[in-house]
Amino acid sequence: MARSVNRSARTGRFVSKATASRWPSKTTREAVGSGTSNKRTVTRSAATGRFVPKGRGDSDPGGTIRQRV
C-alpha cells in the first residue's frame, strides 16, 4: 500500500507536514511504496501539482518536481 510523503521541489528532499503547509507552492505530495509502478518520469508544478511539459521543468527547476509514476 502506498503512503503519502511531502518533498521539496527545490532540493528533492523529504520535508515535514509543517514545512509543506508553510511553503505549499514549493513542495509537493506524492505516493511512495508498493502500489506505484515507478516506470515513467513525469514533471509536475510544485504550486498546483498539475503535470507540466518537460521543458517547463528544465526552465523552472525550483518550482517543479520530477517523479516516477
C-alpha atoms as a PDB file:
ATOM      1  CA  MET A   1       0.000   0.000   0.000  1.00  0.00           C
ATOM      2  CA  ALA A   2       1.352   3.412  -0.969  1.00  0.00           C
ATOM      3  CA  ARG A   3       1.773   6.177   1.588  1.00  0.00           C
ATOM      4  CA  SER A   4       1.925   9.937   1.027  1.00  0.00           C
ATOM      5  CA  VAL A   5       5.068  11.968   1.657  1.00  0.00           C
ATOM      6  CA  ASN A   6       5.993  15.617   1.157  1.00  0.00           C
ATOM      7  CA  ARG A   7       9.002  16.638  -0.891  1.00  0.00           C
ATOM      8  CA  SER A   8      10.765  19.944  -1.533  1.00  0.00           C
ATOM      9  CA  ALA A   9      10.642  20.932  -5.210  1.00  0.00           C
ATOM     10  CA  ARG A  10      13.935  22.785  -4.873  1.00  0.00           C
ATOM     11  CA  THR A  11      16.063  20.107  -3.213  1.00  0.00           C
ATOM     12  CA  GLY A  12      14.073  16.913  -3.772  1.00  0.00           C
ATOM     13  CA  ARG A  13      14.406  16.050  -0.091  1.00  0.00           C
ATOM     14  CA  PHE A  14      11.572  14.867   2.094  1.00  0.00           C
ATOM     15  CA  VAL A  15      10.048  17.577   4.309  1.00  0.00           C
ATOM     16  CA  SER A  16       7.658  17.565   7.262  1.00  0.00           C
ATOM     17  CA  LYS A  17       3.933  18.290   7.060  1.00  0.00           C
ATOM     18  CA  ALA A  18       4.580  21.601   8.839  1.00  0.00           C
ATOM     19  CA  THR A  19       7.101  22.653   6.192  1.00  0.00           C
ATOM     20  CA  ALA A  20       4.763  21.616   3.390  1.00  0.00           C
ATOM     21  CA  SER A  21       1.908  23.657   4.866  1.00  0.00           C
ATOM     22  CA  ARG A  22       4.212  26.658   5.340  1.00  0.00           C
ATOM     23  CA  TRP A  23       5.502  26.546   1.735  1.00  0.00           C
ATOM     24  CA  PRO A  24       2.746  24.898  -0.369  1.00  0.00           C
ATOM     25  CA  SER A  25       3.994  26.400  -3.649  1.00  0.00           C
ATOM     26  CA  LYS A  26       7.481  24.930  -3.170  1.00  0.00           C
ATOM     27  CA  THR A  27       6.550  21.425  -2.014  1.00  0.00           C
ATOM     28  CA  THR A  28       4.627  18.527  -3.447  1.00  0.00           C
ATOM     29  CA  ARG A  29       2.876  15.488  -2.007  1.00  0.00           C
ATOM     30  CA  GLU A  30       3.483  12.148  -3.659  1.00  0.00           C
ATOM     31  CA  ALA A  31       2.712   8.484  -3.159  1.00  0.00           C
ATOM     32  CA  VAL A  32       5.566   6.075  -2.425  1.00  0.00           C
ATOM     33  CA  GLY A  33       5.775   2.381  -1.685  1.00  0.00           C
ATOM     34  CA  SER A  34       4.034  -0.631  -3.118  1.00  0.00           C
ATOM     35  CA  GLY A  35       1.182   0.177  -5.446  1.00  0.00           C
ATOM     36  CA  THR A  36       3.220   2.637  -7.525  1.00  0.00           C
ATOM     37  CA  SER A  37       4.823   1.331 -10.710  1.00  0.00           C
ATOM     38  CA  ASN A  38       7.636   3.935 -10.989  1.00  0.00           C
ATOM     39  CA  LYS A  39       8.074   3.233 -14.702  1.00  0.00           C
ATOM     40  CA  ARG A  40       7.597   6.671 -16.262  1.00  0.00           C
ATOM     41  CA  THR A  41       9.155  10.034 -15.356  1.00  0.00           C
ATOM     42  CA  VAL A  42       6.767  12.997 -15.225  1.00  0.00           C
ATOM     43  CA  THR A  43       7.162  16.669 -14.350  1.00  0.00           C
ATOM     44  CA  ARG A  44       4.717  18.452 -12.036  1.00  0.00           C
ATOM     45  CA  SER A  45       4.252  22.017 -10.913  1.00  0.00           C
ATOM     46  CA  ALA A  46       5.036  22.331  -7.205  1.00  0.00           C
ATOM     47  CA  ALA A  47       2.460  25.119  -6.857  1.00  0.00           C
ATOM     48  CA  THR A  48      -0.513  23.307  -8.413  1.00  0.00           C
ATOM     49  CA  GLY A  49       0.504  19.641  -8.575  1.00  0.00           C
ATOM     50  CA  ARG A  50      -0.516  19.538 -12.224  1.00  0.00           C
ATOM     51  CA  PHE A  51       1.526  17.886 -14.933  1.00  0.00           C
ATOM     52  CA  VAL A  52       3.675  20.298 -16.955  1.00  0.00           C
ATOM     53  CA  PRO A  53       5.870  19.812 -20.041  1.00  0.00           C
ATOM     54  CA  LYS A  54       9.452  18.651 -19.527  1.00  0.00           C
ATOM     55  CA  GLY A  55      10.710  21.996 -20.881  1.00  0.00           C
ATOM     56  CA  ARG A  56       8.948  23.860 -18.089  1.00  0.00           C
ATOM     57  CA  GLY A  57      10.758  21.676 -15.579  1.00  0.00           C
ATOM     58  CA  ASP A  58      14.078  22.446 -17.255  1.00  0.00           C
ATOM     59  CA  SER A  59      13.434  26.197 -17.154  1.00  0.00           C
ATOM     60  CA  ASP A  60      11.967  26.319 -13.609  1.00  0.00           C
ATOM     61  CA  PRO A  61      13.661  23.602 -11.518  1.00  0.00           C
ATOM     62  CA  GLY A  62      12.794  25.324  -8.223  1.00  0.00           C
ATOM     63  CA  GLY A  63       9.081  25.405  -8.976  1.00  0.00           C
ATOM     64  CA  THR A  64       8.712  21.921 -10.457  1.00  0.00           C
ATOM     65  CA  ILE A  65       9.464  18.389  -9.421  1.00  0.00           C
ATOM     66  CA  ARG A  66      10.216  15.277 -11.449  1.00  0.00           C
ATOM     67  CA  GLN A  67       8.922  11.975 -10.200  1.00  0.00           C
ATOM     68  CA  ARG A  68       8.467   8.446 -11.448  1.00  0.00           C
ATOM     69  CA  VAL A  69       4.933   7.141 -11.667  1.00  0.00           C
END
